[in-house]
Amino acid sequence: MTREERLAQAGDYVLGLMDESQRAAFEAAMADDAELLAAVDRLTRQMASLDDTATPVAASRDLWSKIENRLAEMPKHAASTPPPARRPVLQNWYAMAASVIVALGLGYAAGNVLRTPPEPTVIAVLLNQTDASPAVIVEAFADDSVHLVPLDNFEVPEGKILQVWTLPDPETGPVSLGTLTASQDIRLAGPNLPLPQNGQLYEITLEPAPGSPTGRPTGPILVKGFAKPPV
């Protein structure tokens, strides 16, 4: 296995994209690989910084009554069903996710978080092509949209732009999902494409503003990675 493949697995591990046997094998490899352990630690800390962007919002007075009413409407067997086991490295991440919800305000949560959000069809960890470190997380949805979560900041020179691409079919070639002027947490609408598939390529290139003049990637590839279904 190449260094790039090992580091890509670090992203899958931290994001929970491995099944039980894959996690066990990865943890065994990580115990004897200091570089792999460092990559997992680095990505975990990068994810930890995401909750710093939340702005506190005051909770409404009737929040808890709304939560109690919603819980009362749930089937009784749902409360007795044990949750799936989570690997230790994700415990901090789920704690951070909880803190983000608190920071956003439980009043917002009562109106929005209690409704089940759409699940991504696939998730891709895009690796920086300079040092093969995880740099961007891509969540691709059935409605053709993609959610980008940057883990690194990219310097975009004047007159340039970041363009997001995917390869749904090698015969048709790469398709643009949209452009952005800087690293940011953003959701792009995307064109009408087939349902995202396991192993589908995603990448971001540096292009002349306002976008590739040919409709295909022309600039250097900054990050790329292959999609996997969420576990």
Protein backbone atom coordinates (compact mmCIF):
# COMPACT_ATOMS: atom_id res chain seq x y z
CA MET A 1 0.00 0.00 0.00
CA THR A 2 1.35 3.42 -0.97
CA ARG A 3 1.80 6.34 1.43
CA GLU A 4 -1.06 8.20 -0.27
CA GLU A 5 -3.38 5.21 0.16
CA ARG A 6 -2.49 4.94 3.86
CA LEU A 7 -3.21 8.61 4.44
CA ALA A 8 -6.50 8.33 2.55
CA GLN A 9 -7.43 5.55 4.93
CA ALA A 10 -6.72 7.90 7.83
CA GLY A 11 -9.50 10.14 6.55
CA ASP A 12 -11.87 7.18 6.18
CA TYR A 13 -11.03 6.09 9.73
CA VAL A 14 -11.66 9.45 11.37
CA LEU A 15 -14.90 9.96 9.42
CA GLY A 16 -16.23 6.49 10.26
CA LEU A 17 -16.26 5.18 6.68
CA MET A 18 -14.76 1.78 7.61
CA ASP A 19 -16.61 -1.34 8.63
CA GLU A 20 -15.62 -3.30 11.74
CA SER A 21 -13.02 -5.52 10.06
CA GLN A 22 -11.45 -2.57 8.21
CA ARG A 23 -11.22 -0.56 11.44
CA ALA A 24 -9.55 -3.46 13.25
CA ALA A 25 -6.97 -3.87 10.48
CA PHE A 26 -6.32 -0.13 10.34
CA GLU A 27 -5.87 0.16 14.10
CA ALA A 28 -3.40 -2.73 14.02
CA ALA A 29 -1.43 -0.99 11.25
CA MET A 30 -1.59 2.35 13.08
CA ALA A 31 -0.08 0.79 16.21
CA ASP A 32 3.14 0.14 14.27
CA ASP A 33 3.13 3.22 12.02
CA ALA A 34 3.96 6.56 13.65
CA GLU A 35 3.26 8.50 10.45
CA LEU A 36 -0.20 6.97 10.16
CA LEU A 37 -0.94 7.71 13.83
CA ALA A 38 0.18 11.32 13.30
CA ALA A 39 -2.08 11.64 10.26
CA VAL A 40 -5.08 10.44 12.29
CA ASP A 41 -4.22 12.85 15.11
CA ARG A 42 -3.79 15.76 12.68
CA LEU A 43 -7.11 15.11 10.94
CA THR A 44 -8.91 14.72 14.28
CA ARG A 45 -7.57 18.12 15.40
CA GLN A 46 -8.55 19.67 12.07
CA MET A 47 -12.09 18.40 12.51
CA ALA A 48 -12.08 19.77 16.07
CA SER A 49 -11.58 23.29 14.73
CA LEU A 50 -14.86 23.17 12.81
CA ASP A 51 -16.97 23.85 15.89
CA ASP A 52 -15.18 27.17 16.49
CA THR A 53 -17.18 28.80 13.67
CA ALA A 54 -20.59 28.41 15.34
CA THR A 55 -22.31 31.54 16.65
CA PRO A 56 -24.29 31.12 19.90
CA VAL A 57 -28.05 31.65 19.57
CA ALA A 58 -30.42 31.88 22.52
CA ALA A 59 -32.78 28.92 22.98
CA SER A 60 -36.53 29.54 23.00
CA ARG A 61 -38.47 29.13 26.27
CA ASP A 62 -40.64 26.32 24.93
CA LEU A 63 -37.68 24.31 23.60
CA TRP A 64 -37.83 21.46 26.10
CA SER A 65 -41.59 21.02 25.75
CA LYS A 66 -41.08 20.70 21.98
CA ILE A 67 -38.37 18.09 22.51
CA GLU A 68 -40.52 16.15 25.01
CA ASN A 69 -43.50 16.19 22.65
CA ARG A 70 -41.35 14.99 19.77
CA LEU A 71 -39.87 12.17 21.87
CA ALA A 72 -43.34 11.13 22.96
CA GLU A 73 -44.34 10.74 19.32
CA MET A 74 -41.44 8.36 18.57
CA PRO A 75 -42.11 4.59 18.54
CA LYS A 76 -41.32 3.05 21.92
CA HIS A 77 -39.04 0.40 20.42
CA ALA A 78 -36.79 3.14 19.05
CA ALA A 79 -35.69 4.07 22.57
CA SER A 80 -34.85 0.48 23.46
CA THR A 81 -32.76 -0.21 20.37
CA PRO A 82 -29.07 -0.05 21.30
CA PRO A 83 -27.02 2.36 19.18
CA PRO A 84 -24.34 0.89 16.89
CA ALA A 85 -20.86 0.64 18.34
CA ARG A 86 -18.57 3.56 17.55
CA ARG A 87 -14.82 3.35 17.48
CA PRO A 88 -12.97 5.32 20.16
CA VAL A 89 -11.40 7.89 17.82
CA LEU A 90 -14.85 9.18 16.86
CA GLN A 91 -15.99 9.83 20.42
CA ASN A 92 -14.39 13.29 20.48
CA TRP A 93 -15.86 14.08 17.07
CA TYR A 94 -19.39 13.23 18.17
CA ALA A 95 -18.84 15.27 21.32
CA MET A 96 -17.73 18.17 19.15
CA ALA A 97 -20.79 17.76 16.95
CA ALA A 98 -22.95 17.99 20.05
CA SER A 99 -21.16 21.17 21.11
CA VAL A 100 -21.81 22.68 17.70
CA ILE A 101 -25.53 22.05 18.13
CA VAL A 102 -25.42 23.71 21.53
CA ALA A 103 -23.48 26.66 20.09
CA LEU A 104 -25.98 27.09 17.29
CA GLY A 105 -28.72 27.23 19.88
CA LEU A 106 -31.20 24.57 20.93
CA GLY A 107 -33.98 26.76 19.67
CA TYR A 108 -32.63 26.23 16.17
CA ALA A 109 -32.19 22.54 16.93
CA ALA A 110 -35.80 22.12 17.95
CA GLY A 111 -36.99 23.46 14.64
CA ASN A 112 -34.38 21.90 12.37
CA VAL A 113 -32.08 19.29 13.90
CA LEU A 114 -34.99 17.22 15.18
CA ARG A 115 -36.00 16.73 11.57
CA THR A 116 -33.90 14.02 9.95
CA PRO A 117 -31.41 15.66 7.55
CA PRO A 118 -30.74 14.05 4.18
CA GLU A 119 -27.92 11.53 4.20
CA PRO A 120 -25.08 11.86 1.67
CA THR A 121 -24.93 9.12 -0.93
CA VAL A 122 -21.13 9.03 -0.84
CA ILE A 123 -18.31 10.79 1.03
CA ALA A 124 -14.85 11.50 -0.37
CA VAL A 125 -11.72 12.61 1.47
CA LEU A 126 -9.67 14.72 -0.94
CA LEU A 127 -5.92 14.60 -0.39
CA ASN A 128 -3.58 17.54 -0.87
CA GLN A 129 -1.43 16.71 -3.90
CA THR A 130 1.60 18.35 -2.30
CA ASP A 131 1.93 16.26 0.86
CA ALA A 132 -0.96 13.75 0.53
CA SER A 133 -2.65 15.03 3.71
CA PRO A 134 -6.47 15.15 4.00
CA ALA A 135 -7.53 18.61 2.84
CA VAL A 136 -11.24 18.60 1.90
CA ILE A 137 -14.24 16.44 2.74
CA VAL A 138 -16.89 16.11 0.04
CA GLU A 139 -20.41 14.91 0.81
CA ALA A 140 -22.35 14.12 -2.37
CA PHE A 141 -26.15 13.92 -2.25
CA ALA A 142 -28.82 12.32 -4.42
CA ASP A 143 -30.13 15.76 -5.44
CA ASP A 144 -26.83 16.45 -7.32
CA SER A 145 -25.57 18.85 -4.65
CA VAL A 146 -22.22 18.51 -2.88
CA HIS A 147 -21.16 19.81 0.52
CA LEU A 148 -17.50 20.82 0.85
CA VAL A 149 -15.80 20.94 4.26
CA PRO A 150 -12.27 22.39 3.97
CA LEU A 151 -9.57 21.13 6.32
CA ASP A 152 -6.84 23.28 4.75
CA ASN A 153 -6.81 26.81 3.41
CA PHE A 154 -5.84 27.25 -0.24
CA GLU A 155 -4.19 30.41 -1.47
CA VAL A 156 -6.04 31.56 -4.57
CA PRO A 157 -3.96 34.01 -6.63
CA GLU A 158 -5.60 37.05 -8.18
CA GLY A 159 -7.34 36.15 -11.42
CA LYS A 160 -7.73 32.49 -10.39
CA ILE A 161 -10.58 30.43 -8.97
CA LEU A 162 -11.12 27.02 -7.38
CA GLN A 163 -13.20 24.65 -9.50
CA VAL A 164 -14.72 21.41 -8.21
CA TRP A 165 -14.93 18.39 -10.53
CA THR A 166 -16.23 14.84 -10.53
CA LEU A 167 -15.91 11.93 -12.93
CA PRO A 168 -19.26 10.13 -13.05
CA ASP A 169 -18.35 8.30 -16.26
CA PRO A 170 -14.90 7.99 -17.89
CA GLU A 171 -16.53 8.09 -21.32
CA THR A 172 -18.10 11.51 -20.73
CA GLY A 173 -15.10 12.85 -18.83
CA PRO A 174 -14.91 15.22 -15.84
CA VAL A 175 -17.89 17.44 -15.03
CA SER A 176 -17.75 20.75 -13.15
CA LEU A 177 -19.75 20.92 -9.92
CA GLY A 178 -19.15 24.62 -9.39
CA THR A 179 -16.54 27.21 -8.48
CA LEU A 180 -15.50 29.10 -5.37
CA THR A 181 -13.12 31.97 -4.74
CA ALA A 182 -11.63 30.67 -1.47
CA SER A 183 -11.62 27.69 0.88
CA GLN A 184 -15.01 27.64 2.57
CA ASP A 185 -17.68 25.39 3.97
CA ILE A 186 -20.18 25.50 1.12
CA ARG A 187 -22.90 23.51 -0.62
CA LEU A 188 -22.87 23.59 -4.42
CA ALA A 189 -25.98 22.75 -6.41
CA GLY A 190 -24.18 20.82 -9.17
CA PRO A 191 -25.57 19.82 -12.59
CA ASN A 192 -27.96 16.94 -13.32
CA LEU A 193 -25.82 13.79 -12.98
CA PRO A 194 -26.28 10.07 -12.30
CA LEU A 195 -26.45 9.05 -8.64
CA PRO A 196 -22.94 9.31 -7.08
CA GLN A 197 -21.20 5.93 -6.96
CA ASN A 198 -18.62 4.20 -4.80
CA GLY A 199 -15.15 4.92 -6.20
CA GLN A 200 -16.22 8.09 -8.06
CA LEU A 201 -13.41 10.62 -8.45
CA TYR A 202 -13.68 14.14 -7.00
CA GLU A 203 -11.03 16.83 -7.34
CA ILE A 204 -10.44 20.57 -7.12
CA THR A 205 -8.27 22.43 -9.60
CA LEU A 206 -6.96 25.99 -9.84
CA GLU A 207 -8.47 27.62 -12.93
CA PRO A 208 -8.55 31.06 -14.55
CA ALA A 209 -11.50 33.14 -13.27
CA PRO A 210 -14.41 32.80 -13.75
CA GLY A 211 -13.77 29.11 -14.51
CA SER A 212 -12.14 26.68 -16.92
CA PRO A 213 -12.29 28.12 -20.46
CA THR A 214 -12.70 24.64 -21.97
CA GLY A 215 -15.25 23.13 -19.58
CA ARG A 216 -12.59 20.60 -18.55
CA PRO A 217 -9.82 20.80 -15.94
CA THR A 218 -6.92 22.85 -17.28
CA GLY A 219 -5.09 24.00 -14.14
CA PRO A 220 -3.09 22.09 -11.55
CA ILE A 221 -4.95 19.55 -9.37
CA LEU A 222 -4.88 20.79 -5.77
CA VAL A 223 -6.75 17.92 -4.10
CA LYS A 224 -8.41 14.71 -5.21
CA GLY A 225 -9.97 11.58 -3.76
CA PHE A 226 -12.38 8.74 -4.39
CA ALA A 227 -15.85 8.42 -2.92
CA LYS A 228 -17.07 5.76 -0.50
CA PRO A 229 -20.57 5.13 0.82
CA PRO A 230 -21.10 6.23 4.43
CA VAL A 231 -21.08 3.33 6.91
